[in-house]
Amino acid sequence: MTIVISVPPSLDEHSFEQVIEQLAAAPDGSKILLDARHARWASPYGLTALLCVPQARPEPIGFAVPEHPDTVRYWSRAGFFRHAAELYELHGAVPRAREAHESEVLLEITPIAKSDDVHGVVGRIQQKAADILHGQLNLDTAVTGAFGMTLSESCQNIVEHAGVGGWVAVQTYNYKQRLGRRVVQIAVCDAGVGFRTSLESSPGHRHKDRWDDAMALEDAVLRAVSRFRHGDAGRGQGLAGIRRFVGRWHGKLTVRSGTARLGIIPEWDEDVPMTEGLPFFPGSQMQIIIPERSADAPARARSTAAATRGRSRF
């Protein structure tokens, strides 16, 4: 018997939870088909997270390709099918692979497995990022270097912590419903060991009274705790730098790992800072959104605090 898992018509960091919930309910060893036939849109997070699903289960997984031609063309330009063909058993017509459409995709889906991959990604995107960030999103030229560093640190987390390869994608598009402005979005997803296991591997790690995925995310993102020793200069500061970058440019940062999801939430978004008790999904899935600068830019992002625990999901 094949268990069919429905992919939502609109796939982003929130609706992908529906995929995880269905996966969590599937018995171990069962044959699975991800049905994306009715999908119409997917964010970079949605596409990179989809590539993590086969890495999270040992048995082969089928994938029913979207039926809408515009959806298939965009997913193809974003590089999804090129990588999905190596991970899924694809069902449906897939167009021939083409170069990414530069006006839509800032960086097509790119695998990250080693430090050389990180350097290659940053090198490929730097000039395009400068043109987009300064020329189209009206951000200060100083943001360009910080953007490249943030992208590098995001990818480096996969190399140092995941234990397996991951995926990165960067796109710019109109955020009409939520913000009314253009944004650039970075998605970095893997199905590796996750933050909790990574921090537990530190020689100096000590279990606290309450130790779980939420606490591990708070340690890593808010307190810059690392599995590396304090004497390792520069280690463990990547997420702290990302958080500072996001706060300075009134952006949004979300990180999901294991059963928890932490967010640095700006005033223009209604997401919650911490969600616990989610269905387990391995690795870590990160999203960064930087909006176009406007005259009435909102105040700095709200940071997560322990008092946010217990808030309802999404």
Protein backbone atom coordinates (compact mmCIF):
# COMPACT_ATOMS: atom_id res chain seq x y z
CA MET A 1 0.00 0.00 0.00
CA THR A 2 1.26 3.47 -0.95
CA ILE A 3 0.72 6.37 1.44
CA VAL A 4 -0.02 9.53 -0.52
CA ILE A 5 1.18 12.76 1.07
CA SER A 6 -0.42 15.89 -0.35
CA VAL A 7 1.80 18.87 -1.07
CA PRO A 8 -0.18 22.11 -0.43
CA PRO A 9 -0.99 24.32 -3.46
CA SER A 10 1.09 27.11 -1.90
CA LEU A 11 4.25 25.83 -0.25
CA ASP A 12 6.20 27.96 2.21
CA GLU A 13 7.69 27.65 5.71
CA HIS A 14 4.24 27.39 7.27
CA SER A 15 2.40 25.12 4.85
CA PHE A 16 5.39 22.76 4.66
CA GLU A 17 4.39 21.75 8.19
CA GLN A 18 1.45 19.93 6.58
CA VAL A 19 3.93 17.74 4.70
CA ILE A 20 5.88 17.03 7.90
CA GLU A 21 2.70 16.15 9.79
CA GLN A 22 1.72 13.62 7.13
CA LEU A 23 5.23 12.16 7.07
CA ALA A 24 5.21 11.78 10.86
CA ALA A 25 1.98 9.77 10.66
CA ALA A 26 3.34 7.37 8.03
CA PRO A 27 4.54 4.01 9.46
CA ASP A 28 8.25 3.26 9.20
CA GLY A 29 9.07 1.34 6.05
CA SER A 30 5.89 2.35 4.23
CA LYS A 31 5.94 3.28 0.56
CA ILE A 32 5.37 7.01 0.17
CA LEU A 33 4.31 9.23 -2.72
CA LEU A 34 4.50 13.02 -2.38
CA ASP A 35 1.67 14.34 -4.53
CA ALA A 36 2.52 17.82 -5.82
CA ARG A 37 0.18 17.67 -8.83
CA HIS A 38 -1.93 20.57 -7.53
CA ALA A 39 0.94 22.74 -6.37
CA ARG A 40 0.90 26.23 -7.88
CA TRP A 41 3.60 28.13 -5.97
CA ALA A 42 6.57 27.40 -3.74
CA SER A 43 9.03 29.63 -1.92
CA PRO A 44 12.77 28.85 -1.86
CA TYR A 45 12.17 27.38 1.60
CA GLY A 46 9.44 25.12 0.26
CA LEU A 47 11.57 23.79 -2.59
CA THR A 48 14.74 23.23 -0.57
CA ALA A 49 12.78 21.60 2.26
CA LEU A 50 11.16 19.22 -0.25
CA LEU A 51 14.64 18.03 -1.22
CA CYS A 52 15.32 17.17 2.42
CA VAL A 53 12.39 14.74 2.63
CA PRO A 54 14.11 11.82 0.83
CA GLN A 55 17.18 12.35 3.00
CA ALA A 56 15.01 11.95 6.09
CA ARG A 57 13.68 8.48 5.22
CA PRO A 58 15.69 5.40 4.15
CA GLU A 59 13.13 3.97 1.73
CA PRO A 60 12.63 5.36 -1.82
CA ILE A 61 9.95 8.04 -2.14
CA GLY A 62 7.88 8.86 -5.20
CA PHE A 63 7.11 12.40 -6.30
CA ALA A 64 4.17 13.38 -8.52
CA VAL A 65 5.20 16.43 -10.55
CA PRO A 66 2.95 19.55 -10.58
CA GLU A 67 0.47 19.55 -13.43
CA HIS A 68 0.25 23.30 -14.02
CA PRO A 69 2.74 24.21 -16.78
CA ASP A 70 3.76 27.55 -15.22
CA THR A 71 4.56 25.80 -11.93
CA VAL A 72 6.64 23.13 -13.64
CA ARG A 73 8.54 25.73 -15.65
CA TYR A 74 9.38 27.81 -12.60
CA TRP A 75 10.43 24.82 -10.49
CA SER A 76 12.61 23.73 -13.37
CA ARG A 77 14.24 27.17 -13.71
CA ALA A 78 14.87 27.15 -9.96
CA GLY A 79 16.78 23.88 -10.39
CA PHE A 80 14.41 21.72 -8.34
CA PHE A 81 13.94 18.84 -10.77
CA ARG A 82 17.65 18.58 -11.52
CA HIS A 83 18.25 17.58 -7.90
CA ALA A 84 14.91 15.88 -7.25
CA ALA A 85 15.64 13.37 -10.03
CA GLU A 86 18.55 12.04 -7.95
CA LEU A 87 16.48 11.77 -4.75
CA TYR A 88 12.92 10.90 -5.77
CA GLU A 89 11.20 8.51 -8.15
CA LEU A 90 9.60 11.19 -10.33
CA HIS A 91 6.15 10.67 -11.84
CA GLY A 92 5.04 13.09 -14.53
CA ALA A 93 6.52 15.20 -17.30
CA VAL A 94 9.56 17.29 -16.42
CA PRO A 95 10.95 19.89 -18.85
CA ARG A 96 14.55 19.81 -19.93
CA ALA A 97 16.94 21.49 -17.52
CA ARG A 98 17.75 25.07 -18.43
CA GLU A 99 19.79 27.86 -16.97
CA ALA A 100 18.09 29.74 -14.12
CA HIS A 101 16.09 32.79 -15.23
CA GLU A 102 18.10 35.60 -13.73
CA SER A 103 15.19 38.02 -13.35
CA GLU A 104 13.35 35.55 -11.10
CA VAL A 105 15.99 33.44 -9.38
CA LEU A 106 18.92 35.14 -7.70
CA LEU A 107 20.50 31.78 -6.92
CA GLU A 108 18.96 28.55 -8.14
CA ILE A 109 18.84 25.62 -5.72
CA THR A 110 22.44 24.69 -5.01
CA PRO A 111 23.80 21.74 -3.02
CA ILE A 112 26.11 22.43 -0.08
CA ALA A 113 28.32 19.65 1.25
CA LYS A 114 31.76 21.17 1.84
CA SER A 115 33.44 24.54 2.36
CA ASP A 116 34.35 24.82 -1.32
CA ASP A 117 30.62 24.78 -2.11
CA VAL A 118 30.09 27.73 0.23
CA HIS A 119 32.82 29.79 -1.43
CA GLY A 120 31.38 28.97 -4.85
CA VAL A 121 27.89 30.07 -3.85
CA VAL A 122 29.04 33.40 -2.45
CA GLY A 123 31.25 34.04 -5.45
CA ARG A 124 28.43 33.35 -7.90
CA ILE A 125 25.88 35.55 -6.20
CA GLN A 126 27.86 38.55 -5.00
CA GLN A 127 27.47 40.86 -8.01
CA LYS A 128 23.89 39.88 -8.68
CA ALA A 129 23.11 40.44 -5.01
CA ALA A 130 24.65 43.91 -5.11
CA ASP A 131 22.52 44.85 -8.12
CA ILE A 132 19.33 43.58 -6.49
CA LEU A 133 19.89 44.86 -2.96
CA HIS A 134 21.04 48.34 -3.88
CA GLY A 135 19.43 48.90 -7.25
CA GLN A 136 16.03 47.30 -6.69
CA LEU A 137 15.47 47.04 -2.93
CA ASN A 138 16.96 50.49 -2.14
CA LEU A 139 19.22 49.10 0.57
CA ASP A 140 22.44 50.83 1.52
CA THR A 141 25.52 49.63 -0.37
CA ALA A 142 26.96 48.54 2.98
CA VAL A 143 24.40 45.75 3.08
CA THR A 144 25.95 43.95 0.12
CA GLY A 145 29.04 42.72 1.94
CA ALA A 146 27.00 41.82 5.00
CA PHE A 147 24.56 39.93 2.78
CA GLY A 148 27.38 37.85 1.31
CA MET A 149 28.72 37.13 4.80
CA THR A 150 25.24 36.14 5.99
CA LEU A 151 24.79 33.80 3.04
CA SER A 152 28.20 32.29 3.72
CA GLU A 153 27.51 31.77 7.43
CA SER A 154 24.13 30.21 6.67
CA CYS A 155 25.68 27.67 4.31
CA GLN A 156 28.65 27.04 6.60
CA ASN A 157 26.23 25.81 9.26
CA ILE A 158 25.45 22.87 6.98
CA VAL A 159 29.13 22.03 6.54
CA GLU A 160 29.95 22.23 10.25
CA HIS A 161 26.80 20.93 11.91
CA ALA A 162 24.52 18.97 9.58
CA GLY A 163 26.58 15.83 9.02
CA VAL A 164 24.99 15.53 5.57
CA GLY A 165 24.71 17.85 2.60
CA GLY A 166 22.02 20.49 2.33
CA TRP A 167 20.51 23.02 -0.05
CA VAL A 168 20.49 26.78 -0.50
CA ALA A 169 18.38 29.02 -2.73
CA VAL A 170 17.95 32.81 -2.97
CA GLN A 171 15.10 34.63 -4.66
CA THR A 172 13.62 38.10 -4.86
CA TYR A 173 9.91 38.69 -5.35
CA ASN A 174 6.97 40.88 -4.34
CA TYR A 175 5.65 40.25 -0.84
CA LYS A 176 2.31 41.80 -1.69
CA GLN A 177 -0.10 40.35 0.86
CA ARG A 178 2.06 40.64 3.95
CA LEU A 179 4.33 43.59 3.29
CA GLY A 180 3.45 45.33 0.02
CA ARG A 181 7.13 45.52 -0.93
CA ARG A 182 9.77 43.45 -2.62
CA VAL A 183 11.95 41.14 -0.55
CA VAL A 184 14.96 38.92 -0.97
CA GLN A 185 14.67 35.50 0.62
CA ILE A 186 17.44 33.07 1.55
CA ALA A 187 16.51 29.46 2.32
CA VAL A 188 19.07 27.01 3.71
CA CYS A 189 17.77 23.52 4.55
CA ASP A 190 19.27 20.18 5.52
CA ALA A 191 18.14 16.88 7.02
CA GLY A 192 21.20 16.37 9.21
CA VAL A 193 21.64 15.97 12.95
CA GLY A 194 19.98 19.25 13.95
CA PHE A 195 20.96 21.82 16.57
CA ARG A 196 20.20 19.77 19.65
CA THR A 197 22.40 16.82 18.67
CA SER A 198 25.12 19.14 17.40
CA LEU A 199 25.31 21.04 20.70
CA GLU A 200 25.23 17.78 22.66
CA SER A 201 28.43 16.74 20.85
CA SER A 202 30.35 19.59 22.49
CA PRO A 203 32.98 18.36 24.98
CA GLY A 204 31.73 20.87 27.53
CA HIS A 205 28.02 20.25 27.08
CA ARG A 206 26.01 19.72 30.24
CA HIS A 207 22.34 18.77 30.24
CA LYS A 208 20.18 21.46 31.78
CA ASP A 209 17.07 20.87 33.87
CA ARG A 210 15.06 21.24 30.72
CA TRP A 211 16.88 20.39 27.52
CA ASP A 212 15.02 20.06 24.24
CA ASP A 213 15.00 21.34 20.66
CA ALA A 214 13.58 24.72 21.67
CA MET A 215 16.32 25.28 24.25
CA ALA A 216 18.96 24.21 21.72
CA LEU A 217 17.65 26.76 19.22
CA GLU A 218 17.66 29.52 21.83
CA ASP A 219 21.22 28.64 22.83
CA ALA A 220 22.45 28.61 19.23
CA VAL A 221 20.56 31.57 17.79
CA LEU A 222 20.10 33.91 20.77
CA ARG A 223 23.06 33.07 22.99
CA ALA A 224 25.65 32.09 20.33
CA VAL A 225 26.36 28.80 22.10
CA SER A 226 28.44 26.48 19.93
CA ARG A 227 29.60 22.88 20.03
CA PHE A 228 33.14 24.22 19.54
CA ARG A 229 35.39 25.08 22.44
CA HIS A 230 35.60 28.70 23.51
CA GLY A 231 39.17 28.84 22.31
CA ASP A 232 38.17 28.22 18.69
CA ALA A 233 38.18 31.82 17.49
CA GLY A 234 35.25 32.70 15.25
CA ARG A 235 33.43 29.45 15.84
CA GLY A 236 29.79 29.56 16.84
CA GLN A 237 29.37 33.24 15.88
CA GLY A 238 27.71 32.61 12.52
CA LEU A 239 24.12 32.63 13.77
CA ALA A 240 24.78 35.64 15.98
CA GLY A 241 26.02 37.53 12.92
CA ILE A 242 22.98 36.47 10.94
CA ARG A 243 20.69 37.65 13.73
CA ARG A 244 22.42 41.06 13.85
CA PHE A 245 22.17 41.42 10.07
CA VAL A 246 18.46 40.58 10.08
CA GLY A 247 17.75 42.98 12.95
CA ARG A 248 19.62 45.85 11.32
CA TRP A 249 17.69 45.58 8.07
CA HIS A 250 14.29 44.90 9.68
CA GLY A 251 14.20 41.40 8.28
CA LYS A 252 12.82 38.10 9.46
CA LEU A 253 14.74 35.00 10.52
CA THR A 254 13.18 31.61 11.25
CA VAL A 255 15.02 28.41 12.15
CA ARG A 256 13.30 25.04 12.53
CA SER A 257 15.09 22.06 14.03
CA GLY A 258 13.70 18.81 15.39
CA THR A 259 10.39 19.68 17.05
CA ALA A 260 10.77 23.45 17.49
CA ARG A 261 10.85 26.61 15.42
CA LEU A 262 12.36 29.91 16.55
CA GLY A 263 11.82 33.26 14.88
CA ILE A 264 13.23 36.77 14.98
CA ILE A 265 10.02 38.51 13.97
CA PRO A 266 9.81 42.09 12.59
CA GLU A 267 6.87 44.42 13.16
CA TRP A 268 5.52 43.84 9.65
CA ASP A 269 4.97 40.12 10.27
CA GLU A 270 2.48 38.34 12.54
CA ASP A 271 4.43 35.12 13.08
CA VAL A 272 5.21 33.92 16.61
CA PRO A 273 8.74 33.87 18.05
CA MET A 274 8.71 30.27 19.33
CA THR A 275 6.71 27.19 18.41
CA GLU A 276 7.23 23.92 20.26
CA GLY A 277 5.80 20.43 19.99
CA LEU A 278 5.99 20.23 16.20
CA PRO A 279 6.22 16.84 14.47
CA PHE A 280 9.85 15.78 14.36
CA PHE A 281 11.81 16.54 11.20
CA PRO A 282 15.59 16.03 11.11
CA GLY A 283 18.22 18.66 10.51
CA SER A 284 17.64 22.41 10.41
CA GLN A 285 15.67 24.59 8.04
CA MET A 286 16.48 28.30 7.98
CA GLN A 287 14.84 31.20 6.20
CA ILE A 288 15.97 34.83 6.02
CA ILE A 289 13.78 37.57 4.52
CA ILE A 290 15.15 41.08 3.92
CA PRO A 291 12.58 43.66 2.71
CA GLU A 292 12.92 46.60 0.41
CA ARG A 293 13.80 49.74 2.34
CA SER A 294 11.07 52.35 2.66
CA ALA A 295 10.72 55.73 4.34
CA ASP A 296 8.46 54.29 7.03
CA ALA A 297 10.62 51.27 7.85
CA PRO A 298 9.37 49.60 11.05
CA ALA A 299 11.24 49.28 14.29
CA ARG A 300 13.81 46.62 14.87
CA ALA A 301 12.74 43.03 15.00
CA ARG A 302 11.42 41.61 18.21
CA SER A 303 13.68 38.99 19.70
CA THR A 304 12.55 35.76 21.24
CA ALA A 305 12.42 35.50 25.01
CA ALA A 306 11.60 32.68 27.35
CA ALA A 307 8.28 34.38 28.09
CA THR A 308 7.10 33.60 24.56
CA ARG A 309 6.85 29.90 25.33
CA GLY A 310 3.39 28.44 25.20
CA ARG A 311 2.06 30.70 22.45
CA SER A 312 -0.17 29.04 19.90
CA ARG A 313 1.14 27.76 16.62
CA PHE A 314 1.19 30.01 13.58
